[in-house]
């Protein structure tokens, strides 16, 4: 990923988090719109990257819209075959599907996340995937 864009997305994520903690909706909306613009400006270019879309989805309150954004990020992650992004994005989608009561979809995404996570170093994410998958399959 382009370093300048990564730093910009990372800074926007920190700014969004601060605005959220401070419950400053106007500032949050401003940073969110800026991040959305970065995503749209880079879409389908050589600067497009799943981290942009995953970050945008992370800060989206509308669960259905967040899933749509995560799915877009998932396509980008598949295109670059990034196991880290494939795992984290599929886990995020599964978590939202659980909130929406879509157990079957959540299990499907978790199974995909588990396969992808075999090649990553993040043990915490692997454990979260396994724990949620086990919990869903046992109910």
N, C-alpha and C. Protein backbone atom coordinates (compact mmCIF):
# COMPACT_ATOMS: atom_id res chain seq x y z
N UNK A 1 0.84 -1.18 0.00
CA UNK A 1 0.00 0.00 0.00
C UNK A 1 0.88 1.24 0.00
N UNK A 2 0.41 2.25 -0.65
CA UNK A 2 1.08 3.53 -0.70
C UNK A 2 1.25 4.06 0.74
N UNK A 3 2.47 4.35 1.14
CA UNK A 3 2.77 4.77 2.51
C UNK A 3 2.04 6.05 2.89
N UNK A 4 1.99 7.01 1.97
CA UNK A 4 1.32 8.28 2.25
C UNK A 4 -0.17 8.05 2.54
N UNK A 5 -0.79 7.20 1.75
CA UNK A 5 -2.21 6.91 1.96
C UNK A 5 -2.41 6.14 3.26
N UNK A 6 -1.54 5.16 3.53
CA UNK A 6 -1.65 4.41 4.77
C UNK A 6 -1.58 5.34 5.98
N UNK A 7 -0.61 6.25 5.97
CA UNK A 7 -0.47 7.19 7.09
C UNK A 7 -1.71 8.07 7.21
N UNK A 8 -2.25 8.50 6.09
CA UNK A 8 -3.46 9.34 6.10
C UNK A 8 -4.63 8.55 6.70
N UNK A 9 -4.83 7.31 6.26
CA UNK A 9 -5.92 6.47 6.77
C UNK A 9 -5.71 6.21 8.26
N UNK A 10 -4.49 5.93 8.66
CA UNK A 10 -4.19 5.67 10.07
C UNK A 10 -4.49 6.91 10.93
N UNK A 11 -4.09 8.07 10.44
CA UNK A 11 -4.35 9.33 11.16
C UNK A 11 -5.86 9.58 11.27
N UNK A 12 -6.57 9.35 10.17
CA UNK A 12 -8.02 9.54 10.19
C UNK A 12 -8.68 8.57 11.18
N UNK A 13 -8.19 7.35 11.25
CA UNK A 13 -8.74 6.38 12.20
C UNK A 13 -8.54 6.87 13.64
N UNK A 14 -7.37 7.39 13.93
CA UNK A 14 -7.12 7.93 15.28
C UNK A 14 -8.03 9.13 15.55
N UNK A 15 -8.18 10.00 14.55
CA UNK A 15 -9.05 11.17 14.71
C UNK A 15 -10.51 10.76 14.90
N UNK A 16 -10.95 9.76 14.16
CA UNK A 16 -12.32 9.27 14.30
C UNK A 16 -12.54 8.68 15.69
N UNK A 17 -11.57 7.95 16.16
CA UNK A 17 -11.67 7.36 17.50
C UNK A 17 -11.75 8.44 18.56
N UNK A 18 -10.91 9.46 18.45
CA UNK A 18 -10.95 10.56 19.41
C UNK A 18 -12.28 11.29 19.37
N UNK A 19 -12.79 11.55 18.19
CA UNK A 19 -14.09 12.24 18.06
C UNK A 19 -15.20 11.39 18.65
N UNK A 20 -15.10 10.09 18.47
CA UNK A 20 -16.11 9.19 19.02
C UNK A 20 -16.06 9.19 20.55
N UNK A 21 -14.87 9.09 21.10
CA UNK A 21 -14.69 9.10 22.55
C UNK A 21 -15.21 10.41 23.15
N UNK A 22 -14.96 11.49 22.44
CA UNK A 22 -15.40 12.82 22.92
C UNK A 22 -16.86 13.11 22.59
N UNK A 23 -17.49 12.15 21.89
CA UNK A 23 -18.90 12.28 21.49
C UNK A 23 -19.14 13.56 20.68
N UNK A 24 -18.17 13.86 19.82
CA UNK A 24 -18.26 15.02 18.95
C UNK A 24 -18.68 14.55 17.55
N UNK A 25 -19.99 14.48 17.33
CA UNK A 25 -20.52 13.92 16.09
C UNK A 25 -20.14 14.75 14.86
N UNK A 26 -20.11 16.07 15.01
CA UNK A 26 -19.78 16.93 13.86
C UNK A 26 -18.36 16.66 13.38
N UNK A 27 -17.42 16.58 14.30
CA UNK A 27 -16.03 16.30 13.94
C UNK A 27 -15.91 14.87 13.40
N UNK A 28 -16.59 13.93 14.04
CA UNK A 28 -16.58 12.55 13.58
C UNK A 28 -17.05 12.48 12.13
N UNK A 29 -18.16 13.13 11.84
CA UNK A 29 -18.72 13.13 10.48
C UNK A 29 -17.75 13.72 9.46
N UNK A 30 -17.05 14.76 9.88
CA UNK A 30 -16.08 15.40 8.99
C UNK A 30 -14.95 14.43 8.63
N UNK A 31 -14.40 13.76 9.65
CA UNK A 31 -13.32 12.81 9.41
C UNK A 31 -13.83 11.59 8.64
N UNK A 32 -15.03 11.14 8.95
CA UNK A 32 -15.61 10.00 8.24
C UNK A 32 -15.77 10.31 6.75
N UNK A 33 -16.29 11.50 6.47
CA UNK A 33 -16.45 11.91 5.07
C UNK A 33 -15.10 11.99 4.36
N UNK A 34 -14.08 12.44 5.07
CA UNK A 34 -12.74 12.51 4.48
C UNK A 34 -12.22 11.11 4.17
N UNK A 35 -12.41 10.18 5.10
CA UNK A 35 -11.98 8.80 4.88
C UNK A 35 -12.76 8.17 3.72
N UNK A 36 -14.04 8.43 3.68
CA UNK A 36 -14.86 7.91 2.57
C UNK A 36 -14.36 8.45 1.23
N UNK A 37 -13.97 9.71 1.22
CA UNK A 37 -13.45 10.32 -0.01
C UNK A 37 -12.13 9.67 -0.43
N UNK A 38 -11.27 9.37 0.54
CA UNK A 38 -10.01 8.68 0.24
C UNK A 38 -10.31 7.33 -0.42
N UNK A 39 -11.27 6.61 0.15
CA UNK A 39 -11.64 5.31 -0.42
C UNK A 39 -12.15 5.46 -1.85
N UNK A 40 -13.04 6.40 -2.03
CA UNK A 40 -13.63 6.60 -3.36
C UNK A 40 -12.61 7.09 -4.38
N UNK A 41 -11.72 7.98 -3.95
CA UNK A 41 -10.69 8.49 -4.86
C UNK A 41 -9.73 7.39 -5.32
N UNK A 42 -9.45 6.44 -4.45
CA UNK A 42 -8.49 5.39 -4.77
C UNK A 42 -9.12 4.12 -5.33
N UNK A 43 -10.44 4.05 -5.31
CA UNK A 43 -11.12 2.84 -5.75
C UNK A 43 -10.75 2.50 -7.19
N UNK A 44 -10.43 1.21 -7.38
CA UNK A 44 -10.08 0.66 -8.69
C UNK A 44 -8.86 1.33 -9.32
N UNK A 45 -7.97 1.83 -8.48
CA UNK A 45 -6.68 2.34 -8.95
C UNK A 45 -5.59 1.48 -8.31
N UNK A 46 -4.35 1.74 -8.65
CA UNK A 46 -3.26 0.99 -8.03
C UNK A 46 -3.07 1.38 -6.56
N UNK A 47 -3.77 2.41 -6.10
CA UNK A 47 -3.68 2.83 -4.70
C UNK A 47 -4.80 2.23 -3.84
N UNK A 48 -5.72 1.51 -4.47
CA UNK A 48 -6.82 0.88 -3.74
C UNK A 48 -6.27 -0.22 -2.85
N UNK A 49 -6.78 -0.31 -1.62
CA UNK A 49 -6.27 -1.29 -0.67
C UNK A 49 -7.36 -1.63 0.35
N UNK A 50 -7.40 -2.88 0.80
CA UNK A 50 -8.45 -3.27 1.76
C UNK A 50 -8.42 -2.49 3.07
N UNK A 51 -7.27 -1.99 3.49
CA UNK A 51 -7.21 -1.28 4.77
C UNK A 51 -8.10 -0.04 4.77
N UNK A 52 -8.21 0.62 3.63
CA UNK A 52 -9.06 1.82 3.54
C UNK A 52 -10.51 1.45 3.81
N UNK A 53 -10.97 0.41 3.11
CA UNK A 53 -12.37 0.00 3.20
C UNK A 53 -12.68 -0.63 4.55
N UNK A 54 -11.74 -1.40 5.08
CA UNK A 54 -11.95 -2.01 6.39
C UNK A 54 -12.06 -0.92 7.46
N UNK A 55 -11.22 0.08 7.36
CA UNK A 55 -11.27 1.19 8.33
C UNK A 55 -12.58 1.95 8.21
N UNK A 56 -13.02 2.21 6.98
CA UNK A 56 -14.29 2.90 6.79
C UNK A 56 -15.42 2.08 7.41
N UNK A 57 -15.42 0.77 7.17
CA UNK A 57 -16.45 -0.10 7.74
C UNK A 57 -16.40 -0.11 9.26
N UNK A 58 -15.18 -0.08 9.81
CA UNK A 58 -15.02 -0.09 11.27
C UNK A 58 -15.74 1.08 11.94
N UNK A 59 -15.83 2.19 11.24
CA UNK A 59 -16.42 3.40 11.82
C UNK A 59 -17.83 3.68 11.28
N UNK A 60 -18.47 2.66 10.74
CA UNK A 60 -19.82 2.80 10.20
C UNK A 60 -20.81 2.19 11.18
N UNK A 61 -21.78 2.99 11.63
CA UNK A 61 -22.77 2.53 12.60
C UNK A 61 -23.86 1.66 11.99
N UNK A 62 -24.18 1.88 10.74
CA UNK A 62 -25.20 1.11 10.04
C UNK A 62 -24.62 -0.28 9.75
N UNK A 63 -25.15 -1.30 10.42
CA UNK A 63 -24.57 -2.64 10.31
C UNK A 63 -24.61 -3.18 8.88
N UNK A 64 -25.70 -2.93 8.17
CA UNK A 64 -25.80 -3.42 6.80
C UNK A 64 -24.80 -2.72 5.89
N UNK A 65 -24.65 -1.42 6.06
CA UNK A 65 -23.66 -0.67 5.28
C UNK A 65 -22.25 -1.13 5.64
N UNK A 66 -22.00 -1.36 6.91
CA UNK A 66 -20.68 -1.83 7.34
C UNK A 66 -20.36 -3.17 6.68
N UNK A 67 -21.33 -4.07 6.62
CA UNK A 67 -21.11 -5.37 5.97
C UNK A 67 -20.78 -5.16 4.50
N UNK A 68 -21.50 -4.27 3.84
CA UNK A 68 -21.24 -3.98 2.43
C UNK A 68 -19.81 -3.46 2.24
N UNK A 69 -19.38 -2.58 3.13
CA UNK A 69 -18.02 -2.04 3.05
C UNK A 69 -16.97 -3.12 3.35
N UNK A 70 -17.25 -3.96 4.35
CA UNK A 70 -16.33 -5.06 4.64
C UNK A 70 -16.25 -6.03 3.46
N UNK A 71 -17.38 -6.28 2.81
CA UNK A 71 -17.36 -7.17 1.64
C UNK A 71 -16.51 -6.58 0.52
N UNK A 72 -16.58 -5.27 0.36
CA UNK A 72 -15.73 -4.61 -0.64
C UNK A 72 -14.25 -4.77 -0.24
N UNK A 73 -13.96 -4.60 1.04
CA UNK A 73 -12.59 -4.79 1.53
C UNK A 73 -12.14 -6.23 1.33
N UNK A 74 -13.06 -7.17 1.52
CA UNK A 74 -12.73 -8.58 1.35
C UNK A 74 -12.33 -8.88 -0.09
N UNK A 75 -13.03 -8.30 -1.05
CA UNK A 75 -12.68 -8.47 -2.46
C UNK A 75 -11.27 -7.93 -2.72
N UNK A 76 -10.97 -6.77 -2.13
CA UNK A 76 -9.64 -6.17 -2.31
C UNK A 76 -8.57 -7.06 -1.67
N UNK A 77 -8.88 -7.64 -0.51
CA UNK A 77 -7.93 -8.53 0.18
C UNK A 77 -7.70 -9.80 -0.63
N UNK A 78 -8.77 -10.32 -1.25
CA UNK A 78 -8.62 -11.51 -2.09
C UNK A 78 -7.73 -11.19 -3.30
N UNK A 79 -7.88 -10.01 -3.84
CA UNK A 79 -7.10 -9.62 -5.02
C UNK A 79 -5.60 -9.59 -4.73
N UNK A 80 -5.24 -9.24 -3.51
CA UNK A 80 -3.81 -9.20 -3.16
C UNK A 80 -3.40 -10.42 -2.32
N UNK A 81 -4.36 -11.32 -2.09
CA UNK A 81 -4.14 -12.54 -1.33
C UNK A 81 -3.49 -12.28 0.04
N UNK A 82 -4.06 -11.31 0.75
CA UNK A 82 -3.56 -10.97 2.08
C UNK A 82 -4.31 -11.77 3.14
N UNK A 83 -3.64 -12.76 3.69
CA UNK A 83 -4.26 -13.63 4.70
C UNK A 83 -4.66 -12.85 5.95
N UNK A 84 -3.85 -11.85 6.33
CA UNK A 84 -4.18 -11.03 7.50
C UNK A 84 -5.50 -10.29 7.29
N UNK A 85 -5.63 -9.64 6.14
CA UNK A 85 -6.85 -8.90 5.87
C UNK A 85 -8.02 -9.84 5.64
N UNK A 86 -7.80 -10.95 4.95
CA UNK A 86 -8.87 -11.92 4.73
C UNK A 86 -9.42 -12.41 6.06
N UNK A 87 -8.54 -12.67 7.00
CA UNK A 87 -8.96 -13.16 8.31
C UNK A 87 -9.71 -12.11 9.12
N UNK A 88 -9.14 -10.92 9.22
CA UNK A 88 -9.75 -9.89 10.06
C UNK A 88 -11.07 -9.40 9.47
N UNK A 89 -11.14 -9.28 8.16
CA UNK A 89 -12.37 -8.79 7.53
C UNK A 89 -13.48 -9.83 7.64
N UNK A 90 -13.15 -11.09 7.37
CA UNK A 90 -14.17 -12.14 7.49
C UNK A 90 -14.66 -12.25 8.93
N UNK A 91 -13.76 -12.08 9.89
CA UNK A 91 -14.17 -12.10 11.30
C UNK A 91 -15.10 -10.92 11.61
N UNK A 92 -14.78 -9.75 11.08
CA UNK A 92 -15.63 -8.57 11.32
C UNK A 92 -17.02 -8.78 10.72
N UNK A 93 -17.08 -9.32 9.51
CA UNK A 93 -18.38 -9.59 8.89
C UNK A 93 -19.15 -10.60 9.73
N UNK A 94 -18.49 -11.65 10.16
CA UNK A 94 -19.14 -12.67 10.98
C UNK A 94 -19.69 -12.07 12.27
N UNK A 95 -18.93 -11.20 12.90
CA UNK A 95 -19.39 -10.58 14.14
C UNK A 95 -20.65 -9.75 13.92
N UNK A 96 -20.69 -9.04 12.80
CA UNK A 96 -21.89 -8.25 12.48
C UNK A 96 -23.06 -9.17 12.13
N UNK A 97 -22.78 -10.25 11.44
CA UNK A 97 -23.84 -11.20 11.11
C UNK A 97 -24.44 -11.80 12.38
N UNK A 98 -23.62 -12.03 13.39
CA UNK A 98 -24.12 -12.51 14.68
C UNK A 98 -25.07 -11.47 15.27
N UNK A 99 -24.67 -10.21 15.25
CA UNK A 99 -25.52 -9.14 15.78
C UNK A 99 -26.86 -9.07 15.05
N UNK A 100 -26.84 -9.38 13.75
CA UNK A 100 -28.06 -9.32 12.94
C UNK A 100 -28.86 -10.63 13.00
N UNK A 101 -28.33 -11.62 13.71
CA UNK A 101 -29.04 -12.89 13.86
C UNK A 101 -28.86 -13.83 12.68
N UNK A 102 -27.86 -13.59 11.86
CA UNK A 102 -27.59 -14.43 10.68
C UNK A 102 -26.50 -15.45 11.00
N UNK A 103 -26.86 -16.43 11.81
CA UNK A 103 -25.90 -17.42 12.31
C UNK A 103 -25.21 -18.18 11.19
N UNK A 104 -25.96 -18.63 10.18
CA UNK A 104 -25.38 -19.43 9.10
C UNK A 104 -24.32 -18.63 8.34
N UNK A 105 -24.63 -17.37 8.03
CA UNK A 105 -23.67 -16.51 7.34
C UNK A 105 -22.45 -16.27 8.21
N UNK A 106 -22.68 -16.07 9.50
CA UNK A 106 -21.57 -15.84 10.43
C UNK A 106 -20.64 -17.06 10.45
N UNK A 107 -21.21 -18.24 10.52
CA UNK A 107 -20.40 -19.47 10.54
C UNK A 107 -19.60 -19.60 9.25
N UNK A 108 -20.24 -19.31 8.13
CA UNK A 108 -19.56 -19.40 6.83
C UNK A 108 -18.35 -18.45 6.79
N UNK A 109 -18.55 -17.21 7.23
CA UNK A 109 -17.44 -16.25 7.24
C UNK A 109 -16.34 -16.66 8.23
N UNK A 110 -16.76 -17.20 9.37
CA UNK A 110 -15.76 -17.64 10.35
C UNK A 110 -14.95 -18.82 9.84
N UNK A 111 -15.58 -19.72 9.12
CA UNK A 111 -14.84 -20.84 8.56
C UNK A 111 -13.82 -20.34 7.53
N UNK A 112 -14.21 -19.36 6.73
CA UNK A 112 -13.26 -18.75 5.78
C UNK A 112 -12.14 -18.04 6.53
N UNK A 113 -12.50 -17.33 7.59
CA UNK A 113 -11.49 -16.63 8.39
C UNK A 113 -10.51 -17.63 9.01
N UNK A 114 -11.03 -18.75 9.46
CA UNK A 114 -10.17 -19.76 10.08
C UNK A 114 -9.15 -20.30 9.08
N UNK A 115 -9.60 -20.57 7.86
CA UNK A 115 -8.68 -21.06 6.82
C UNK A 115 -7.59 -20.02 6.55
N UNK A 116 -8.00 -18.76 6.38
CA UNK A 116 -7.04 -17.69 6.12
C UNK A 116 -6.08 -17.49 7.29
N UNK A 117 -6.61 -17.64 8.49
CA UNK A 117 -5.79 -17.34 9.68
C UNK A 117 -4.71 -18.38 9.93
N UNK A 118 -4.74 -19.49 9.24
CA UNK A 118 -3.67 -20.49 9.39
C UNK A 118 -2.32 -19.93 8.99
N UNK A 119 -2.33 -18.88 8.18
CA UNK A 119 -1.08 -18.32 7.65
C UNK A 119 -0.69 -16.98 8.29
N UNK A 120 -1.35 -16.62 9.40
CA UNK A 120 -1.04 -15.33 10.02
C UNK A 120 -0.39 -15.53 11.39
N UNK A 121 0.22 -14.47 11.88
CA UNK A 121 0.92 -14.53 13.16
C UNK A 121 0.05 -14.09 14.34
N UNK A 122 -1.06 -13.42 14.07
CA UNK A 122 -1.91 -12.85 15.12
C UNK A 122 -2.67 -13.95 15.88
N UNK A 123 -2.09 -14.39 16.98
CA UNK A 123 -2.68 -15.47 17.78
C UNK A 123 -3.99 -15.06 18.43
N UNK A 124 -4.11 -13.78 18.80
CA UNK A 124 -5.35 -13.31 19.42
C UNK A 124 -6.52 -13.39 18.44
N UNK A 125 -6.28 -12.97 17.21
CA UNK A 125 -7.34 -13.05 16.20
C UNK A 125 -7.71 -14.50 15.93
N UNK A 126 -6.72 -15.36 15.83
CA UNK A 126 -6.99 -16.79 15.62
C UNK A 126 -7.88 -17.33 16.74
N UNK A 127 -7.56 -16.96 17.97
CA UNK A 127 -8.34 -17.44 19.12
C UNK A 127 -9.77 -16.89 19.09
N UNK A 128 -9.91 -15.61 18.74
CA UNK A 128 -11.25 -15.03 18.64
C UNK A 128 -12.09 -15.74 17.58
N UNK A 129 -11.48 -16.03 16.45
CA UNK A 129 -12.18 -16.74 15.37
C UNK A 129 -12.62 -18.11 15.87
N UNK A 130 -11.69 -18.84 16.46
CA UNK A 130 -12.01 -20.18 16.97
C UNK A 130 -13.10 -20.15 18.04
N UNK A 131 -12.98 -19.21 18.97
CA UNK A 131 -13.95 -19.12 20.06
C UNK A 131 -15.36 -18.83 19.55
N UNK A 132 -15.47 -17.87 18.65
CA UNK A 132 -16.79 -17.51 18.13
C UNK A 132 -17.36 -18.65 17.27
N UNK A 133 -16.52 -19.27 16.49
CA UNK A 133 -16.97 -20.39 15.65
C UNK A 133 -17.45 -21.55 16.52
N UNK A 134 -16.69 -21.87 17.55
CA UNK A 134 -17.09 -22.94 18.47
C UNK A 134 -18.41 -22.60 19.15
N UNK A 135 -18.54 -21.37 19.61
CA UNK A 135 -19.78 -20.95 20.30
C UNK A 135 -20.98 -21.04 19.37
N UNK A 136 -20.83 -20.60 18.14
CA UNK A 136 -21.96 -20.64 17.21
C UNK A 136 -22.34 -22.05 16.81
N UNK A 137 -21.35 -22.91 16.66
CA UNK A 137 -21.64 -24.29 16.26
C UNK A 137 -22.24 -25.11 17.40
N UNK A 138 -22.02 -24.67 18.63
CA UNK A 138 -22.52 -25.43 19.77
C UNK A 138 -23.94 -25.01 20.19
N UNK A 139 -24.46 -23.97 19.54
CA UNK A 139 -25.82 -23.54 19.91
C UNK A 139 -26.83 -23.93 18.85
